[in-house]
C-alpha atoms as a PDB file:
ATOM      1  CA  MET A   1      -0.010  -0.001  -0.010  1.00  0.00           C
ATOM      2  CA  SER A   2       1.401   3.385  -0.906  1.00  0.00           C
ATOM      3  CA  ALA A   3       1.271   6.776   0.826  1.00  0.00           C
ATOM      4  CA  ASP A   4      -0.652   8.045  -2.272  1.00  0.00           C
ATOM      5  CA  LEU A   5      -3.430   5.579  -1.600  1.00  0.00           C
ATOM      6  CA  VAL A   6      -3.818   6.453   2.108  1.00  0.00           C
ATOM      7  CA  ILE A   7      -3.658  10.172   1.255  1.00  0.00           C
ATOM      8  CA  ALA A   8      -6.445   9.734  -1.321  1.00  0.00           C
ATOM      9  CA  ALA A   9      -8.545   7.816   1.316  1.00  0.00           C
ATOM     10  CA  LEU A  10      -7.829  10.550   3.878  1.00  0.00           C
ATOM     11  CA  ASN A  11      -8.870  13.242   1.389  1.00  0.00           C
ATOM     12  CA  MET A  12     -12.049  11.439   0.471  1.00  0.00           C
ATOM     13  CA  ALA A  13     -13.000  10.959   4.119  1.00  0.00           C
ATOM     14  CA  LEU A  14     -12.387  14.659   4.950  1.00  0.00           C
ATOM     15  CA  LEU A  15     -14.270  15.823   1.847  1.00  0.00           C
ATOM     16  CA  THR A  16     -17.329  13.635   2.401  1.00  0.00           C
ATOM     17  CA  ARG A  17     -17.514  13.742   6.202  1.00  0.00           C
ATOM     18  CA  LYS A  18     -16.258  17.299   6.868  1.00  0.00           C
ATOM     19  CA  PRO A  19     -15.367  16.494  10.495  1.00  0.00           C
ATOM     20  CA  GLU A  20     -14.815  19.116  13.137  1.00  0.00           C
ATOM     21  CA  SER A  21     -11.614  17.448  14.481  1.00  0.00           C
ATOM     22  CA  VAL A  22      -9.860  14.310  13.461  1.00  0.00           C
ATOM     23  CA  ILE A  23      -7.371  11.932  15.010  1.00  0.00           C
ATOM     24  CA  HIS A  24      -6.119   9.403  12.378  1.00  0.00           C
ATOM     25  CA  HIS A  25      -5.007   6.255  14.173  1.00  0.00           C
ATOM     26  CA  SER A  26      -2.951   3.750  12.274  1.00  0.00           C
ATOM     27  CA  ASP A  27      -0.204   1.099  12.587  1.00  0.00           C
ATOM     28  CA  GLN A  28       3.387   2.049  11.884  1.00  0.00           C
ATOM     29  CA  GLY A  29       3.292   1.178   8.226  1.00  0.00           C
ATOM     30  CA  SER A  30       5.623   3.081   5.955  1.00  0.00           C
ATOM     31  CA  GLN A  31       2.778   4.793   4.230  1.00  0.00           C
ATOM     32  CA  TYR A  32       1.644   6.279   7.511  1.00  0.00           C
ATOM     33  CA  THR A  33       5.073   7.298   8.682  1.00  0.00           C
ATOM     34  CA  SER A  34       6.027   8.880   5.328  1.00  0.00           C
ATOM     35  CA  VAL A  35       6.830  12.593   5.279  1.00  0.00           C
ATOM     36  CA  VAL A  36       4.214  13.223   2.550  1.00  0.00           C
ATOM     37  CA  PHE A  37       1.390  11.736   4.738  1.00  0.00           C
ATOM     38  CA  GLY A  38       2.553  13.627   7.771  1.00  0.00           C
ATOM     39  CA  LYS A  39       2.514  16.926   5.769  1.00  0.00           C
ATOM     40  CA  ARG A  40      -0.971  16.196   4.425  1.00  0.00           C
ATOM     41  CA  CYS A  41      -2.290  15.507   7.904  1.00  0.00           C
ATOM     42  CA  LYS A  42      -0.767  18.761   9.173  1.00  0.00           C
ATOM     43  CA  LYS A  43      -2.246  20.745   6.297  1.00  0.00           C
ATOM     44  CA  MET A  44      -5.719  19.360   6.859  1.00  0.00           C
ATOM     45  CA  GLY A  45      -5.591  19.651  10.720  1.00  0.00           C
ATOM     46  CA  VAL A  46      -5.565  15.921  11.248  1.00  0.00           C
ATOM     47  CA  ARG A  47      -3.719  14.666  14.313  1.00  0.00           C
ATOM     48  CA  PRO A  48      -1.837  11.441  13.447  1.00  0.00           C
ATOM     49  CA  SER A  49      -1.721   8.719  16.105  1.00  0.00           C
ATOM     50  CA  MET A  50       0.199   5.470  15.875  1.00  0.00           C
ATOM     51  CA  GLY A  51       0.022   2.331  17.884  1.00  0.00           C
ATOM     52  CA  THR A  52       2.931   0.587  19.512  1.00  0.00           C
ATOM     53  CA  VAL A  53       4.784  -2.116  17.676  1.00  0.00           C
ATOM     54  CA  GLY A  54       3.313  -5.555  18.315  1.00  0.00           C
ATOM     55  CA  ASP A  55       0.216  -4.369  20.191  1.00  0.00           C
ATOM     56  CA  ALA A  56      -2.470  -6.846  19.166  1.00  0.00           C
ATOM     57  CA  TYR A  57      -5.339  -4.898  20.749  1.00  0.00           C
ATOM     58  CA  ASP A  58      -4.296  -1.579  19.315  1.00  0.00           C
ATOM     59  CA  ASN A  59      -6.118  -2.007  16.004  1.00  0.00           C
ATOM     60  CA  ALA A  60      -8.897  -4.221  17.200  1.00  0.00           C
ATOM     61  CA  THR A  61     -11.688  -2.111  15.710  1.00  0.00           C
ATOM     62  CA  ALA A  62     -10.131  -2.072  12.267  1.00  0.00           C
ATOM     63  CA  GLU A  63      -9.405  -5.740  12.491  1.00  0.00           C
ATOM     64  CA  SER A  64     -13.040  -6.435  13.424  1.00  0.00           C
ATOM     65  CA  PHE A  65     -14.271  -4.305  10.471  1.00  0.00           C
ATOM     66  CA  PHE A  66     -12.195  -6.281   7.973  1.00  0.00           C
ATOM     67  CA  ALA A  67     -13.214  -9.595   9.479  1.00  0.00           C
ATOM     68  CA  THR A  68     -16.866  -8.558   9.127  1.00  0.00           C
ATOM     69  CA  LEU A  69     -16.293  -7.363   5.560  1.00  0.00           C
ATOM     70  CA  GLU A  70     -14.669 -10.683   4.654  1.00  0.00           C
ATOM     71  CA  CYS A  71     -17.371 -12.769   6.318  1.00  0.00           C
ATOM     72  CA  GLU A  72     -20.447 -10.771   5.196  1.00  0.00           C
ATOM     73  CA  LEU A  73     -19.348  -9.939   1.664  1.00  0.00           C
ATOM     74  CA  ILE A  74     -16.019 -11.143   0.294  1.00  0.00           C
ATOM     75  CA  ASP A  75     -16.312 -14.859   1.197  1.00  0.00           C
ATOM     76  CA  ARG A  76     -19.816 -15.021  -0.285  1.00  0.00           C
ATOM     77  CA  ARG A  77     -19.215 -13.612  -3.730  1.00  0.00           C
ATOM     78  CA  ASN A  78     -16.856 -13.668  -6.723  1.00  0.00           C
ATOM     79  CA  TRP A  79     -16.350 -10.744  -9.091  1.00  0.00           C
ATOM     80  CA  LYS A  80     -15.234 -10.744 -12.698  1.00  0.00           C
ATOM     81  CA  THR A  81     -13.330  -7.452 -12.465  1.00  0.00           C
ATOM     82  CA  HIS A  82     -11.715  -5.283  -9.849  1.00  0.00           C
ATOM     83  CA  THR A  83     -14.183  -2.530 -10.689  1.00  0.00           C
ATOM     84  CA  GLU A  84     -17.109  -4.883  -9.793  1.00  0.00           C
ATOM     85  CA  ALA A  85     -15.413  -5.772  -6.479  1.00  0.00           C
ATOM     86  CA  ARG A  86     -14.643  -2.148  -5.579  1.00  0.00           C
ATOM     87  CA  LEU A  87     -18.246  -1.166  -6.325  1.00  0.00           C
ATOM     88  CA  ALA A  88     -19.633  -4.020  -4.206  1.00  0.00           C
ATOM     89  CA  ILE A  89     -17.319  -3.170  -1.289  1.00  0.00           C
ATOM     90  CA  PHE A  90     -18.221   0.572  -1.552  1.00  0.00           C
ATOM     91  CA  THR A  91     -21.994  -0.261  -1.646  1.00  0.00           C
ATOM     92  CA  TRP A  92     -21.642  -2.661   1.311  1.00  0.00           C
ATOM     93  CA  ILE A  93     -19.877  -0.011   3.446  1.00  0.00           C
ATOM     94  CA  GLU A  94     -21.995   3.037   2.431  1.00  0.00           C
ATOM     95  CA  ALA A  95     -25.388   1.380   2.018  1.00  0.00           C
ATOM     96  CA  TRP A  96     -25.229  -1.245   4.740  1.00  0.00           C
ATOM     97  CA  TYR A  97     -22.416  -1.137   7.234  1.00  0.00           C
ATOM     98  CA  ASN A  98     -22.326   2.555   8.093  1.00  0.00           C
ATOM     99  CA  PRO A  99     -26.032   3.371   8.008  1.00  0.00           C
ATOM    100  CA  HIS A 100     -27.596   0.191   9.301  1.00  0.00           C
ATOM    101  CA  ARG A 101     -25.253  -2.351  10.859  1.00  0.00           C
ATOM    102  CA  ARG A 102     -25.439  -2.146  14.649  1.00  0.00           C
ATOM    103  CA  HIS A 103     -22.230  -2.380  16.684  1.00  0.00           C
ATOM    104  CA  SER A 104     -21.778  -3.567  20.277  1.00  0.00           C
ATOM    105  CA  SER A 105     -18.848  -1.112  20.723  1.00  0.00           C
ATOM    106  CA  LEU A 106     -21.309   1.789  19.844  1.00  0.00           C
ATOM    107  CA  GLY A 107     -24.164   0.798  22.075  1.00  0.00           C
ATOM    108  CA  GLN A 108     -25.936  -1.312  19.475  1.00  0.00           C
ATOM    109  CA  ILE A 109     -26.413   1.565  17.004  1.00  0.00           C
ATOM    110  CA  SER A 110     -24.957   2.079  13.575  1.00  0.00           C
ATOM    111  CA  PRO A 111     -21.920   4.166  12.937  1.00  0.00           C
ATOM    112  CA  THR A 112     -23.995   6.812  11.120  1.00  0.00           C
ATOM    113  CA  ASN A 113     -26.406   7.061  14.075  1.00  0.00           C
ATOM    114  CA  PHE A 114     -23.542   7.124  16.518  1.00  0.00           C
ATOM    115  CA  GLU A 115     -21.988  10.066  14.652  1.00  0.00           C
ATOM    116  CA  ARG A 116     -25.248  11.846  14.440  1.00  0.00           C
ATOM    117  CA  LEU A 117     -25.870  11.420  18.157  1.00  0.00           C
ATOM    118  CA  ASN A 118     -22.350  12.586  18.927  1.00  0.00           C
ATOM    119  CA  VAL A 119     -22.779  15.696  16.893  1.00  0.00           C
ATOM    120  CA  GLN A 120     -26.251  16.482  18.303  1.00  0.00           C
ATOM    121  CA  ASN A 121     -25.052  15.919  21.847  1.00  0.00           C
ATOM    122  CA  LYS A 122     -22.087  18.217  21.342  1.00  0.00           C
ATOM    123  CA  GLU A 123     -24.356  20.940  19.922  1.00  0.00           C
ATOM    124  CA  ASP A 124     -26.748  20.485  22.865  1.00  0.00           C
ATOM    125  CA  ALA A 125     -23.848  20.669  25.362  1.00  0.00           C
ATOM    126  CA  LYS A 126     -22.712  23.979  23.709  1.00  0.00           C
ATOM    127  CA  THR A 127     -26.157  25.458  24.198  1.00  0.00           C
ATOM    128  CA  HIS A 128     -26.462  23.982  27.712  1.00  0.00           C
ATOM    129  CA  ASN A 129     -29.673  22.272  26.881  1.00  0.00           C
ATOM    130  CA  PRO A 130     -29.095  18.602  27.608  1.00  0.00           C
ATOM    131  CA  ALA A 131     -32.831  17.847  28.013  1.00  0.00           C
ATOM    132  CA  SER A 132     -33.288  18.353  24.288  1.00  0.00           C
ATOM    133  CA  CYS A 133     -31.208  15.240  23.452  1.00  0.00           C
ATOM    134  CA  VAL A 134     -33.321  12.738  21.585  1.00  0.00           C
ATOM    135  CA  ASN A 135     -32.686   9.035  21.614  1.00  0.00           C
ATOM    136  CA  ASN A 136     -32.713   8.390  17.853  1.00  0.00           C
ATOM    137  CA  SER A 137     -32.610   4.637  18.246  1.00  0.00           C
ATOM    138  CA  GLU A 138     -36.193   4.874  19.715  1.00  0.00           C
ATOM    139  CA  PRO A 139     -38.233   7.396  17.753  1.00  0.00           C
ATOM    140  CA  ALA A 140     -40.181  10.167  19.468  1.00  0.00           C
ATOM    141  CA  GLN A 141     -38.696   9.357  22.972  1.00  0.00           C
ATOM    142  CA  THR A 142     -37.042  12.306  24.652  1.00  0.00           C
ATOM    143  CA  LYS A 143     -34.322  11.425  27.104  1.00  0.00           C
ATOM    144  CA  SER A 144     -34.169  12.926  30.605  1.00  0.00           C
ATOM    145  CA  SER A 145     -31.407  15.463  31.337  1.00  0.00           C
ATOM    146  CA  PHE A 146     -29.525  12.886  33.375  1.00  0.00           C
ATOM    147  CA  ASP A 147     -29.598  10.272  30.581  1.00  0.00           C
ATOM    148  CA  CYS A 148     -28.517  12.802  27.937  1.00  0.00           C
ATOM    149  CA  ASP A 149     -25.584  14.035  30.090  1.00  0.00           C
ATOM    150  CA  ARG A 150     -24.634  10.406  30.657  1.00  0.00           C
ATOM    151  CA  GLN A 151     -24.852   9.677  26.884  1.00  0.00           C
ATOM    152  CA  VAL A 152     -22.707  12.685  26.029  1.00  0.00           C
ATOM    153  CA  ASN A 153     -20.046  11.466  28.438  1.00  0.00           C
ATOM    154  CA  LEU A 154     -20.249   7.896  27.170  1.00  0.00           C
ATOM    155  CA  ILE A 155     -20.017   8.993  23.513  1.00  0.00           C
ATOM    156  CA  ASP A 156     -17.085  11.318  24.229  1.00  0.00           C
ATOM    157  CA  THR A 157     -15.359   8.570  26.186  1.00  0.00           C
ATOM    158  CA  THR A 158     -16.003   5.941  23.416  1.00  0.00           C
ATOM    159  CA  GLN A 159     -14.693   8.391  20.812  1.00  0.00           C
ATOM    160  CA  GLU A 160     -11.577   9.058  22.815  1.00  0.00           C
ATOM    161  CA  VAL A 161     -10.884   5.400  23.315  1.00  0.00           C
ATOM    162  CA  LYS A 162     -11.374   4.771  19.537  1.00  0.00           C
ATOM    163  CA  ASN A 163      -8.960   7.633  18.769  1.00  0.00           C
ATOM    164  CA  LEU A 164      -6.182   6.411  21.085  1.00  0.00           C
END
């Protein structure tokens, strides 16, 4: 894998997601330790983070994602061309995994819902109106102030752990 490939992936993520702040966690592969990748991160305001050598738990979330991708899609299909495979993987990620697949590490909600709740909770915390937090996993149910404060803290803590 080249630095150009990971820079292209980083650019795509930043362009499509427009995050407020980003910590990019990776292993110590040469593409991530390259000067060009470091410069791109700095230019885009991305804080790079690397795991320790030989730490099996360091990349557990990414390893789990790829195991799921392999089990749920790759092992079940064959493609005639690389283009077909790339389109199938993109569709699986963007149409199934991110918006619908629930994750135990995210409180049994999808990554898209987790992100939406995190953004909403941060906005509510800025306006000091925690009672307005809505539990999107159960429509039309308003959370109490205590539950919302707790959820903000859990989400912030979960995000910090993921970004270590």
